[in-house]
Amino acid sequence: MPIYYDIETDGLYLQGIEKGAAQGFEKEMRFVVIQMLNAKKYSLDEISHVSGATKAYIMGIANELNIKV
């Protein structure tokens, strides 16, 4: 008798999906911050508002890339 198991309802599977989505969001947010920093025409507040990143996170990336904000 075969056993059927729906993996999409498994708790660990769902945790993995959430973690992957969070990592994807983090990469996308970082990309937006870098693009806006490189444009050099947006304020720290504008970058924070558009990207959803904290000002400390943005400053960390700016320091990492040696971009003055």
PDB file of N, CA and C in Angstrom:
ATOM      1  N   MET A   1       0.852  -1.170   0.000  1.00  0.00           N
ATOM      2  CA  MET A   1       0.000   0.000   0.000  1.00  0.00           C
ATOM      3  C   MET A   1       0.901   1.238   0.000  1.00  0.00           C
ATOM      4  N   PRO A   2       0.751   2.125  -1.007  1.00  0.00           N
ATOM      5  CA  PRO A   2       1.592   3.323  -1.081  1.00  0.00           C
ATOM      6  C   PRO A   2       1.216   4.346  -0.009  1.00  0.00           C
ATOM      7  N   ILE A   3       2.212   5.102   0.402  1.00  0.00           N
ATOM      8  CA  ILE A   3       2.003   6.174   1.375  1.00  0.00           C
ATOM      9  C   ILE A   3       2.127   7.505   0.633  1.00  0.00           C
ATOM     10  N   TYR A   4       1.135   8.338   0.788  1.00  0.00           N
ATOM     11  CA  TYR A   4       1.158   9.648   0.150  1.00  0.00           C
ATOM     12  C   TYR A   4       1.440  10.709   1.200  1.00  0.00           C
ATOM     13  N   TYR A   5       2.386  11.580   0.877  1.00  0.00           N
ATOM     14  CA  TYR A   5       2.756  12.648   1.818  1.00  0.00           C
ATOM     15  C   TYR A   5       2.856  13.945   1.040  1.00  0.00           C
ATOM     16  N   ASP A   6       2.093  14.909   1.422  1.00  0.00           N
ATOM     17  CA  ASP A   6       2.113  16.217   0.754  1.00  0.00           C
ATOM     18  C   ASP A   6       3.196  17.079   1.392  1.00  0.00           C
ATOM     19  N   ILE A   7       4.317  17.189   0.721  1.00  0.00           N
ATOM     20  CA  ILE A   7       5.470  17.926   1.255  1.00  0.00           C
ATOM     21  C   ILE A   7       5.144  19.401   1.448  1.00  0.00           C
ATOM     22  N   GLU A   8       4.244  19.946   0.660  1.00  0.00           N
ATOM     23  CA  GLU A   8       3.931  21.375   0.734  1.00  0.00           C
ATOM     24  C   GLU A   8       3.205  21.767   2.014  1.00  0.00           C
ATOM     25  N   THR A   9       2.776  20.796   2.796  1.00  0.00           N
ATOM     26  CA  THR A   9       2.155  21.095   4.080  1.00  0.00           C
ATOM     27  C   THR A   9       3.102  20.820   5.246  1.00  0.00           C
ATOM     28  N   ASP A  10       4.294  20.335   4.946  1.00  0.00           N
ATOM     29  CA  ASP A  10       5.285  20.022   5.982  1.00  0.00           C
ATOM     30  C   ASP A  10       5.838  21.309   6.586  1.00  0.00           C
ATOM     31  N   GLY A  11       5.973  21.325   7.914  1.00  0.00           N
ATOM     32  CA  GLY A  11       6.443  22.523   8.617  1.00  0.00           C
ATOM     33  C   GLY A  11       7.846  22.935   8.218  1.00  0.00           C
ATOM     34  N   LEU A  12       8.763  21.989   8.091  1.00  0.00           N
ATOM     35  CA  LEU A  12      10.139  22.321   7.699  1.00  0.00           C
ATOM     36  C   LEU A  12      10.204  22.853   6.264  1.00  0.00           C
ATOM     37  N   TYR A  13       9.391  22.271   5.395  1.00  0.00           N
ATOM     38  CA  TYR A  13       9.327  22.750   4.019  1.00  0.00           C
ATOM     39  C   TYR A  13       8.860  24.208   3.987  1.00  0.00           C
ATOM     40  N   LEU A  14       7.828  24.507   4.753  1.00  0.00           N
ATOM     41  CA  LEU A  14       7.284  25.867   4.790  1.00  0.00           C
ATOM     42  C   LEU A  14       8.290  26.849   5.384  1.00  0.00           C
ATOM     43  N   GLN A  15       9.059  26.408   6.397  1.00  0.00           N
ATOM     44  CA  GLN A  15      10.101  27.265   6.969  1.00  0.00           C
ATOM     45  C   GLN A  15      11.169  27.565   5.923  1.00  0.00           C
ATOM     46  N   GLY A  16      11.529  26.576   5.132  1.00  0.00           N
ATOM     47  CA  GLY A  16      12.509  26.769   4.070  1.00  0.00           C
ATOM     48  C   GLY A  16      12.029  27.761   3.027  1.00  0.00           C
ATOM     49  N   ILE A  17      10.765  27.678   2.684  1.00  0.00           N
ATOM     50  CA  ILE A  17      10.181  28.618   1.717  1.00  0.00           C
ATOM     51  C   ILE A  17      10.242  30.039   2.268  1.00  0.00           C
ATOM     52  N   GLU A  18       9.886  30.203   3.538  1.00  0.00           N
ATOM     53  CA  GLU A  18       9.921  31.535   4.155  1.00  0.00           C
ATOM     54  C   GLU A  18      11.344  32.076   4.203  1.00  0.00           C
ATOM     55  N   LYS A  19      12.297  31.229   4.561  1.00  0.00           N
ATOM     56  CA  LYS A  19      13.693  31.663   4.639  1.00  0.00           C
ATOM     57  C   LYS A  19      14.202  32.079   3.264  1.00  0.00           C
ATOM     58  N   GLY A  20      13.865  31.314   2.244  1.00  0.00           N
ATOM     59  CA  GLY A  20      14.272  31.649   0.884  1.00  0.00           C
ATOM     60  C   GLY A  20      13.667  32.964   0.421  1.00  0.00           C
ATOM     61  N   ALA A  21      12.418  33.187   0.755  1.00  0.00           N
ATOM     62  CA  ALA A  21      11.755  34.432   0.387  1.00  0.00           C
ATOM     63  C   ALA A  21      12.409  35.616   1.094  1.00  0.00           C
ATOM     64  N   ALA A  22      12.760  35.433   2.359  1.00  0.00           N
ATOM     65  CA  ALA A  22      13.415  36.506   3.115  1.00  0.00           C
ATOM     66  C   ALA A  22      14.782  36.827   2.534  1.00  0.00           C
ATOM     67  N   GLN A  23      15.521  35.799   2.121  1.00  0.00           N
ATOM     68  CA  GLN A  23      16.832  36.028   1.528  1.00  0.00           C
ATOM     69  C   GLN A  23      16.694  36.748   0.190  1.00  0.00           C
ATOM     70  N   GLY A  24      15.682  36.378  -0.574  1.00  0.00           N
ATOM     71  CA  GLY A  24      15.437  37.052  -1.849  1.00  0.00           C
ATOM     72  C   GLY A  24      15.087  38.513  -1.647  1.00  0.00           C
ATOM     73  N   PHE A  25      14.267  38.793  -0.637  1.00  0.00           N
ATOM     74  CA  PHE A  25      13.901  40.164  -0.331  1.00  0.00           C
ATOM     75  C   PHE A  25      15.122  40.962   0.098  1.00  0.00           C
ATOM     76  N   GLU A  26      15.977  40.348   0.915  1.00  0.00           N
ATOM     77  CA  GLU A  26      17.201  41.018   1.388  1.00  0.00           C
ATOM     78  C   GLU A  26      18.106  41.391   0.212  1.00  0.00           C
ATOM     79  N   LYS A  27      18.261  40.483  -0.735  1.00  0.00           N
ATOM     80  CA  LYS A  27      19.104  40.760  -1.905  1.00  0.00           C
ATOM     81  C   LYS A  27      18.509  41.879  -2.747  1.00  0.00           C
ATOM     82  N   GLU A  28      17.201  41.846  -2.913  1.00  0.00           N
ATOM     83  CA  GLU A  28      16.542  42.877  -3.714  1.00  0.00           C
ATOM     84  C   GLU A  28      16.639  44.243  -3.035  1.00  0.00           C
ATOM     85  N   MET A  29      16.441  44.268  -1.707  1.00  0.00           N
ATOM     86  CA  MET A  29      16.536  45.516  -0.967  1.00  0.00           C
ATOM     87  C   MET A  29      17.953  46.081  -1.073  1.00  0.00           C
ATOM     88  N   ARG A  30      18.957  45.217  -0.925  1.00  0.00           N
ATOM     89  CA  ARG A  30      20.356  45.650  -1.030  1.00  0.00           C
ATOM     90  C   ARG A  30      20.634  46.229  -2.420  1.00  0.00           C
ATOM     91  N   PHE A  31      20.102  45.579  -3.455  1.00  0.00           N
ATOM     92  CA  PHE A  31      20.287  46.057  -4.828  1.00  0.00           C
ATOM     93  C   PHE A  31      19.696  47.455  -5.002  1.00  0.00           C
ATOM     94  N   VAL A  32      18.490  47.667  -4.481  1.00  0.00           N
ATOM     95  CA  VAL A  32      17.840  48.974  -4.593  1.00  0.00           C
ATOM     96  C   VAL A  32      18.658  50.037  -3.864  1.00  0.00           C
ATOM     97  N   VAL A  33      19.132  49.711  -2.671  1.00  0.00           N
ATOM     98  CA  VAL A  33      19.935  50.662  -1.897  1.00  0.00           C
ATOM     99  C   VAL A  33      21.197  51.030  -2.661  1.00  0.00           C
ATOM    100  N   ILE A  34      21.885  50.047  -3.209  1.00  0.00           N
ATOM    101  CA  ILE A  34      23.131  50.314  -3.951  1.00  0.00           C
ATOM    102  C   ILE A  34      22.857  51.178  -5.172  1.00  0.00           C
ATOM    103  N   GLN A  35      21.793  50.875  -5.893  1.00  0.00           N
ATOM    104  CA  GLN A  35      21.464  51.669  -7.081  1.00  0.00           C
ATOM    105  C   GLN A  35      21.162  53.119  -6.718  1.00  0.00           C
ATOM    106  N   MET A  36      20.430  53.310  -5.632  1.00  0.00           N
ATOM    107  CA  MET A  36      20.080  54.670  -5.223  1.00  0.00           C
ATOM    108  C   MET A  36      21.305  55.409  -4.677  1.00  0.00           C
ATOM    109  N   LEU A  37      22.177  54.707  -3.983  1.00  0.00           N
ATOM    110  CA  LEU A  37      23.408  55.339  -3.493  1.00  0.00           C
ATOM    111  C   LEU A  37      24.307  55.747  -4.654  1.00  0.00           C
ATOM    112  N   ASN A  38      24.409  54.879  -5.640  1.00  0.00           N
ATOM    113  CA  ASN A  38      25.253  55.179  -6.797  1.00  0.00           C
ATOM    114  C   ASN A  38      24.713  56.338  -7.620  1.00  0.00           C
ATOM    115  N   ALA A  39      23.402  56.538  -7.614  1.00  0.00           N
ATOM    116  CA  ALA A  39      22.807  57.654  -8.351  1.00  0.00           C
ATOM    117  C   ALA A  39      23.204  58.991  -7.734  1.00  0.00           C
ATOM    118  N   LYS A  40      23.491  58.999  -6.435  1.00  0.00           N
ATOM    119  CA  LYS A  40      23.941  60.187  -5.700  1.00  0.00           C
ATOM    120  C   LYS A  40      22.980  61.373  -5.794  1.00  0.00           C
ATOM    121  N   LYS A  41      21.698  61.077  -5.950  1.00  0.00           N
ATOM    122  CA  LYS A  41      20.729  62.181  -5.980  1.00  0.00           C
ATOM    123  C   LYS A  41      19.580  61.962  -4.996  1.00  0.00           C
ATOM    124  N   TYR A  42      19.717  60.964  -4.132  1.00  0.00           N
ATOM    125  CA  TYR A  42      18.682  60.667  -3.151  1.00  0.00           C
ATOM    126  C   TYR A  42      19.224  60.846  -1.741  1.00  0.00           C
ATOM    127  N   SER A  43      18.376  61.361  -0.877  1.00  0.00           N
ATOM    128  CA  SER A  43      18.776  61.528   0.523  1.00  0.00           C
ATOM    129  C   SER A  43      18.649  60.193   1.255  1.00  0.00           C
ATOM    130  N   LEU A  44      19.224  60.141   2.427  1.00  0.00           N
ATOM    131  CA  LEU A  44      19.151  58.946   3.260  1.00  0.00           C
ATOM    132  C   LEU A  44      17.696  58.603   3.584  1.00  0.00           C
ATOM    133  N   ASP A  45      16.900  59.615   3.863  1.00  0.00           N
ATOM    134  CA  ASP A  45      15.480  59.392   4.157  1.00  0.00           C
ATOM    135  C   ASP A  45      14.736  58.825   2.949  1.00  0.00           C
ATOM    136  N   GLU A  46      15.030  59.346   1.762  1.00  0.00           N
ATOM    137  CA  GLU A  46      14.364  58.853   0.557  1.00  0.00           C
ATOM    138  C   GLU A  46      14.734  57.396   0.275  1.00  0.00           C
ATOM    139  N   ILE A  47      16.002  57.066   0.430  1.00  0.00           N
ATOM    140  CA  ILE A  47      16.445  55.693   0.199  1.00  0.00           C
ATOM    141  C   ILE A  47      15.782  54.757   1.203  1.00  0.00           C
ATOM    142  N   SER A  48      15.711  55.184   2.443  1.00  0.00           N
ATOM    143  CA  SER A  48      15.091  54.374   3.488  1.00  0.00           C
ATOM    144  C   SER A  48      13.611  54.154   3.196  1.00  0.00           C
ATOM    145  N   HIS A  49      12.934  55.187   2.764  1.00  0.00           N
ATOM    146  CA  HIS A  49      11.505  55.100   2.479  1.00  0.00           C
ATOM    147  C   HIS A  49      11.226  54.158   1.300  1.00  0.00           C
ATOM    148  N   VAL A  50      11.988  54.307   0.231  1.00  0.00           N
ATOM    149  CA  VAL A  50      11.754  53.509  -0.976  1.00  0.00           C
ATOM    150  C   VAL A  50      12.141  52.046  -0.770  1.00  0.00           C
ATOM    151  N   SER A  51      13.290  51.819  -0.158  1.00  0.00           N
ATOM    152  CA  SER A  51      13.798  50.448  -0.033  1.00  0.00           C
ATOM    153  C   SER A  51      13.234  49.698   1.170  1.00  0.00           C
ATOM    154  N   GLY A  52      12.789  50.422   2.171  1.00  0.00           N
ATOM    155  CA  GLY A  52      12.327  49.781   3.395  1.00  0.00           C
ATOM    156  C   GLY A  52      13.462  49.417   4.332  1.00  0.00           C
ATOM    157  N   ALA A  53      14.673  49.841   4.005  1.00  0.00           N
ATOM    158  CA  ALA A  53      15.849  49.539   4.828  1.00  0.00           C
ATOM    159  C   ALA A  53      16.012  50.593   5.917  1.00  0.00           C
ATOM    160  N   THR A  54      16.647  50.203   7.000  1.00  0.00           N
ATOM    161  CA  THR A  54      16.917  51.166   8.064  1.00  0.00           C
ATOM    162  C   THR A  54      18.069  52.073   7.642  1.00  0.00           C
ATOM    163  N   LYS A  55      18.145  53.215   8.275  1.00  0.00           N
ATOM    164  CA  LYS A  55      19.219  54.152   7.955  1.00  0.00           C
ATOM    165  C   LYS A  55      20.582  53.567   8.307  1.00  0.00           C
ATOM    166  N   ALA A  56      20.645  52.793   9.391  1.00  0.00           N
ATOM    167  CA  ALA A  56      21.904  52.158   9.786  1.00  0.00           C
ATOM    168  C   ALA A  56      22.344  51.147   8.727  1.00  0.00           C
ATOM    169  N   TYR A  57      21.410  50.401   8.183  1.00  0.00           N
ATOM    170  CA  TYR A  57      21.717  49.425   7.128  1.00  0.00           C
ATOM    171  C   TYR A  57      22.249  50.142   5.885  1.00  0.00           C
ATOM    172  N   ILE A  58      21.606  51.239   5.521  1.00  0.00           N
ATOM    173  CA  ILE A  58      22.024  52.006   4.345  1.00  0.00           C
ATOM    174  C   ILE A  58      23.418  52.589   4.557  1.00  0.00           C
ATOM    175  N   MET A  59      23.654  53.127   5.753  1.00  0.00           N
ATOM    176  CA  MET A  59      24.973  53.691   6.047  1.00  0.00           C
ATOM    177  C   MET A  59      26.050  52.600   6.021  1.00  0.00           C
ATOM    178  N   GLY A  60      25.709  51.410   6.473  1.00  0.00           N
ATOM    179  CA  GLY A  60      26.645  50.301   6.425  1.00  0.00           C
ATOM    180  C   GLY A  60      27.046  49.955   5.004  1.00  0.00           C
ATOM    181  N   ILE A  61      26.076  49.930   4.111  1.00  0.00           N
ATOM    182  CA  ILE A  61      26.368  49.654   2.704  1.00  0.00           C
ATOM    183  C   ILE A  61      27.168  50.796   2.097  1.00  0.00           C
ATOM    184  N   ALA A  62      26.796  52.029   2.424  1.00  0.00           N
ATOM    185  CA  ALA A  62      27.522  53.201   1.907  1.00  0.00           C
ATOM    186  C   ALA A  62      28.987  53.159   2.362  1.00  0.00           C
ATOM    187  N   ASN A  63      29.217  52.828   3.610  1.00  0.00           N
ATOM    188  CA  ASN A  63      30.589  52.739   4.114  1.00  0.00           C
ATOM    189  C   ASN A  63      31.343  51.597   3.431  1.00  0.00           C
ATOM    190  N   GLU A  64      30.655  50.504   3.216  1.00  0.00           N
ATOM    191  CA  GLU A  64      31.261  49.340   2.547  1.00  0.00           C
ATOM    192  C   GLU A  64      31.702  49.688   1.127  1.00  0.00           C
ATOM    193  N   LEU A  65      30.915  50.520   0.455  1.00  0.00           N
ATOM    194  CA  LEU A  65      31.211  50.902  -0.922  1.00  0.00           C
ATOM    195  C   LEU A  65      31.944  52.237  -1.036  1.00  0.00           C
ATOM    196  N   ASN A  66      32.284  52.815   0.101  1.00  0.00           N
ATOM    197  CA  ASN A  66      32.972  54.117   0.148  1.00  0.00           C
ATOM    198  C   ASN A  66      32.202  55.206  -0.583  1.00  0.00           C
ATOM    199  N   ILE A  67      30.896  55.248  -0.320  1.00  0.00           N
ATOM    200  CA  ILE A  67      30.023  56.265  -0.902  1.00  0.00           C
ATOM    201  C   ILE A  67      29.595  57.204   0.217  1.00  0.00           C
ATOM    202  N   LYS A  68      29.796  58.489   0.000  1.00  0.00           N
ATOM    203  CA  LYS A  68      29.414  59.469   1.010  1.00  0.00           C
ATOM    204  C   LYS A  68      27.935  59.823   0.836  1.00  0.00           C
ATOM    205  N   VAL A  69      27.192  59.761   1.954  1.00  0.00           N
ATOM    206  CA  VAL A  69      25.750  60.071   1.905  1.00  0.00           C
ATOM    207  C   VAL A  69      25.507  61.396   2.575  1.00  0.00           C
TER     208      VAL A  69
END
